[in-house]
Amino acid sequence: MSSSMSADSTWNDAKWQRYGLLSGVVFVALNVVGLIAGGTPPSRDASAEKIAKYFVDKAGGIKLGAVLFAIGLIFGLWWLASLWRVIGRLEESGPRLALIVVLGFVVSAAVAAVGQALFAGPALRLDTLGGTTELMWSLGFVVYSMVMAVTAAQMLALAVLVMRTKFLPVWMAWLALASAAVCAVATIGAGSEANIFFVFQMLGFVSWMLWVLIASVLLYMRKEA
């Protein structure tokens, strides 16, 4: 009887572990849809009038994006816990790189939530749009530049971890390394309004989402998740 209960518990745990890995796909889907819902934003150095018009025209999409981001965090944390179970035991001397990955995800999610709040706030109060909108617009991009810094650290740790342990194909390490480099460049946007750094922010976000998506599928398909 005890042996049967133990086997059932193990099977259930393995099942939920695999579901947790697959939740990364949902996390990516919600974030990408939320980004698209907001439409094409004006340039970073756009005038207050253009920024205000964007919030008025795209208010529904911006609010939807914020909701999808919040829901996505639920699936993201489930994915992160399942990823930790995979990578937390790979380093013989202790989970140093794995810890950077987990902390990087948690910190970037928390900082990104602040950025979402800065962008969603004006869309929720269209009747009070004024001079502060331009300030919140700039602050939002600065915050996302900080997200890129933490994401760069996370992706660099993943790149090294894949190279050292081969828990994923080696080309995933190169994808993570490329993402880390792009995110690192995007951090310069914290102190510049040049649109090129906004492009790097978008590329950093897309490359990070792509890595999470592929890793989720590959780990889910393994015999031992």
Protein backbone atom coordinates (compact mmCIF):
# COMPACT_ATOMS: atom_id res chain seq x y z
CA MET A 1 0.00 0.00 0.00
CA SER A 2 2.77 2.40 0.98
CA SER A 3 4.74 1.49 -2.14
CA SER A 4 1.69 2.16 -4.33
CA MET A 5 1.07 5.57 -2.76
CA SER A 6 4.75 6.47 -3.23
CA ALA A 7 4.62 5.50 -6.91
CA ASP A 8 1.47 7.57 -7.45
CA SER A 9 3.06 10.59 -5.76
CA THR A 10 6.17 10.27 -7.92
CA TRP A 11 4.10 10.03 -11.08
CA ASN A 12 2.00 13.03 -10.15
CA ASP A 13 5.08 15.06 -9.30
CA ALA A 14 6.68 14.20 -12.63
CA LYS A 15 3.48 15.13 -14.45
CA TRP A 16 3.29 18.55 -12.80
CA GLN A 17 6.98 19.09 -13.42
CA ARG A 18 6.37 18.62 -17.15
CA TYR A 19 3.30 20.87 -17.05
CA GLY A 20 5.43 23.50 -15.33
CA LEU A 21 8.00 23.37 -18.11
CA LEU A 22 5.27 23.68 -20.72
CA SER A 23 3.85 26.72 -18.92
CA GLY A 24 6.80 28.62 -20.36
CA VAL A 25 5.04 28.45 -23.73
CA VAL A 26 1.95 30.10 -22.24
CA PHE A 27 4.15 32.71 -20.55
CA VAL A 28 5.73 33.62 -23.89
CA ALA A 29 2.41 33.65 -25.75
CA LEU A 30 0.77 36.01 -23.25
CA ASN A 31 3.72 38.40 -23.27
CA VAL A 32 3.95 38.52 -27.06
CA VAL A 33 0.21 39.03 -27.51
CA GLY A 34 0.28 41.73 -24.84
CA LEU A 35 3.11 43.51 -26.64
CA ILE A 36 1.27 43.38 -29.97
CA ALA A 37 -1.96 44.59 -28.36
CA GLY A 38 -0.30 47.86 -27.39
CA GLY A 39 0.37 48.71 -31.02
CA THR A 40 3.39 50.57 -32.36
CA PRO A 41 4.51 53.17 -29.82
CA PRO A 42 5.87 56.58 -30.78
CA SER A 43 9.59 57.23 -30.59
CA ARG A 44 11.25 57.71 -27.23
CA ASP A 45 11.80 61.41 -27.86
CA ALA A 46 8.28 62.02 -29.21
CA SER A 47 6.43 65.18 -28.19
CA ALA A 48 3.94 65.19 -25.33
CA GLU A 49 1.11 65.56 -27.86
CA LYS A 50 2.13 62.42 -29.79
CA ILE A 51 2.54 60.44 -26.58
CA ALA A 52 -0.87 61.54 -25.31
CA LYS A 53 -2.45 60.63 -28.66
CA TYR A 54 -0.88 57.17 -28.46
CA PHE A 55 -2.39 56.56 -25.01
CA VAL A 56 -5.81 57.72 -26.21
CA ASP A 57 -5.75 55.70 -29.45
CA LYS A 58 -4.31 52.53 -27.93
CA ALA A 59 -5.78 52.69 -24.42
CA GLY A 60 -7.64 49.40 -24.78
CA GLY A 61 -4.62 47.55 -26.11
CA ILE A 62 -2.32 49.00 -23.44
CA LYS A 63 -4.67 47.92 -20.66
CA LEU A 64 -5.05 44.48 -22.21
CA GLY A 65 -1.28 44.18 -22.42
CA ALA A 66 -0.95 44.98 -18.71
CA VAL A 67 -3.53 42.33 -17.82
CA LEU A 68 -1.85 39.70 -20.01
CA PHE A 69 1.52 40.58 -18.48
CA ALA A 70 0.11 40.05 -14.98
CA ILE A 71 -1.45 36.70 -15.92
CA GLY A 72 1.76 35.73 -17.67
CA LEU A 73 3.68 36.14 -14.43
CA ILE A 74 1.68 33.26 -12.94
CA PHE A 75 2.78 30.90 -15.70
CA GLY A 76 6.29 32.38 -15.68
CA LEU A 77 6.81 31.52 -12.02
CA TRP A 78 5.54 27.97 -12.58
CA TRP A 79 8.02 27.64 -15.44
CA LEU A 80 10.84 29.08 -13.36
CA ALA A 81 10.24 26.61 -10.53
CA SER A 82 10.33 23.70 -12.99
CA LEU A 83 13.46 25.09 -14.67
CA TRP A 84 15.12 25.38 -11.26
CA ARG A 85 14.49 21.68 -10.63
CA VAL A 86 16.39 20.95 -13.85
CA ILE A 87 19.31 23.37 -13.51
CA GLY A 88 19.62 23.55 -9.72
CA ARG A 89 21.33 20.16 -9.59
CA LEU A 90 23.67 20.53 -12.56
CA GLU A 91 26.62 22.26 -10.84
CA GLU A 92 28.74 19.97 -8.70
CA SER A 93 29.91 22.71 -6.35
CA GLY A 94 26.44 24.20 -5.88
CA PRO A 95 23.88 26.13 -7.95
CA ARG A 96 25.75 29.39 -8.55
CA LEU A 97 24.82 29.94 -12.20
CA ALA A 98 21.36 28.49 -11.62
CA LEU A 99 20.85 30.99 -8.81
CA ILE A 100 21.75 33.86 -11.13
CA VAL A 101 19.15 32.56 -13.61
CA VAL A 102 16.39 32.40 -10.99
CA LEU A 103 17.22 35.72 -9.35
CA GLY A 104 17.56 37.32 -12.78
CA PHE A 105 14.08 36.19 -13.76
CA VAL A 106 12.50 37.29 -10.48
CA VAL A 107 14.18 40.71 -10.44
CA SER A 108 13.50 41.39 -14.12
CA ALA A 109 9.83 40.43 -13.66
CA ALA A 110 9.51 42.75 -10.67
CA VAL A 111 11.17 45.68 -12.45
CA ALA A 112 9.16 45.03 -15.62
CA ALA A 113 5.99 45.17 -13.53
CA VAL A 114 6.96 48.71 -12.54
CA GLY A 115 7.45 49.55 -16.21
CA GLN A 116 4.04 48.12 -17.06
CA ALA A 117 2.48 50.24 -14.33
CA LEU A 118 4.11 53.38 -15.73
CA PHE A 119 2.73 52.67 -19.20
CA ALA A 120 -0.69 51.44 -18.10
CA GLY A 121 -1.34 54.29 -15.64
CA PRO A 122 -2.00 57.00 -18.25
CA ALA A 123 -4.21 54.62 -20.27
CA LEU A 124 -6.38 54.09 -17.19
CA ARG A 125 -6.81 57.82 -16.53
CA LEU A 126 -7.18 59.40 -19.96
CA ASP A 127 -9.05 62.35 -18.47
CA THR A 128 -5.96 63.44 -16.57
CA LEU A 129 -3.40 63.22 -19.36
CA GLY A 130 -1.02 66.14 -19.15
CA GLY A 131 2.61 67.04 -18.72
CA THR A 132 3.28 64.06 -16.47
CA THR A 133 2.53 61.67 -19.35
CA GLU A 134 5.80 62.55 -21.06
CA LEU A 135 7.67 61.98 -17.80
CA MET A 136 6.06 58.57 -17.21
CA TRP A 137 6.82 57.66 -20.83
CA SER A 138 10.52 58.36 -20.33
CA LEU A 139 10.58 56.64 -16.95
CA GLY A 140 8.97 53.56 -18.46
CA PHE A 141 11.74 53.17 -21.01
CA VAL A 142 14.41 53.76 -18.38
CA VAL A 143 12.86 51.03 -16.25
CA TYR A 144 12.84 48.59 -19.16
CA SER A 145 16.51 49.39 -19.77
CA MET A 146 17.12 48.16 -16.21
CA VAL A 147 15.17 45.00 -17.07
CA MET A 148 17.55 44.44 -19.98
CA ALA A 149 20.54 44.60 -17.64
CA VAL A 150 19.18 41.86 -15.40
CA THR A 151 18.07 39.80 -18.40
CA ALA A 152 21.59 40.05 -19.83
CA ALA A 153 22.98 38.54 -16.62
CA GLN A 154 20.34 35.81 -16.69
CA MET A 155 21.02 34.85 -20.32
CA LEU A 156 24.79 34.91 -19.82
CA ALA A 157 24.43 32.50 -16.91
CA LEU A 158 22.24 30.23 -19.03
CA ALA A 159 24.74 30.33 -21.88
CA VAL A 160 27.58 29.22 -19.60
CA LEU A 161 25.40 26.61 -17.92
CA VAL A 162 24.42 25.04 -21.26
CA MET A 163 28.02 25.05 -22.47
CA ARG A 164 29.28 23.40 -19.29
CA THR A 165 26.55 20.82 -18.71
CA LYS A 166 24.92 20.31 -22.15
CA PHE A 167 21.47 20.05 -20.54
CA LEU A 168 20.26 21.65 -23.76
CA PRO A 169 21.78 21.60 -27.27
CA VAL A 170 24.92 23.74 -27.53
CA TRP A 171 23.27 26.06 -30.07
CA MET A 172 20.96 27.14 -27.25
CA ALA A 173 24.03 28.46 -25.47
CA TRP A 174 24.90 30.59 -28.49
CA LEU A 175 21.33 31.87 -28.69
CA ALA A 176 21.49 32.81 -24.99
CA LEU A 177 24.86 34.49 -25.50
CA ALA A 178 23.54 36.53 -28.44
CA SER A 179 20.51 37.54 -26.37
CA ALA A 180 22.76 38.57 -23.48
CA ALA A 181 24.85 40.76 -25.80
CA VAL A 182 21.78 42.47 -27.29
CA CYS A 183 20.26 43.05 -23.84
CA ALA A 184 23.56 44.49 -22.58
CA VAL A 185 23.59 47.07 -25.39
CA ALA A 186 19.93 47.88 -24.68
CA THR A 187 20.83 48.95 -21.14
CA ILE A 188 22.42 52.11 -22.58
CA GLY A 189 18.85 53.25 -23.15
CA ALA A 190 18.73 54.08 -19.44
CA GLY A 191 20.69 57.20 -20.23
CA SER A 192 19.83 57.91 -23.86
CA GLU A 193 16.71 58.71 -25.84
CA ALA A 194 18.23 57.48 -29.11
CA ASN A 195 15.71 55.21 -30.83
CA ILE A 196 18.40 52.66 -31.67
CA PHE A 197 18.41 51.54 -28.04
CA PHE A 198 14.65 51.01 -28.18
CA VAL A 199 15.31 48.70 -31.13
CA PHE A 200 17.84 46.80 -29.03
CA GLN A 201 15.28 46.57 -26.21
CA MET A 202 12.81 44.96 -28.60
CA LEU A 203 15.45 42.58 -29.96
CA GLY A 204 16.48 41.69 -26.42
CA PHE A 205 12.89 40.97 -25.46
CA VAL A 206 12.24 38.87 -28.59
CA SER A 207 15.46 36.86 -28.20
CA TRP A 208 14.69 36.19 -24.53
CA MET A 209 11.13 35.09 -25.36
CA LEU A 210 12.46 32.86 -28.14
CA TRP A 211 14.94 31.20 -25.78
CA VAL A 212 12.28 30.54 -23.15
CA LEU A 213 9.90 29.15 -25.77
CA ILE A 214 12.43 26.75 -27.29
CA ALA A 215 13.83 25.68 -23.91
CA SER A 216 10.32 24.97 -22.63
CA VAL A 217 9.54 22.70 -25.56
CA LEU A 218 12.91 20.91 -25.53
CA LEU A 219 12.79 20.24 -21.79
CA TYR A 220 9.18 19.10 -21.98
CA MET A 221 10.06 16.61 -24.72
CA ARG A 222 12.88 15.04 -22.73
CA LYS A 223 12.16 11.62 -21.27
CA GLU A 224 13.21 12.88 -17.87
CA ALA A 225 11.95 16.44 -17.39
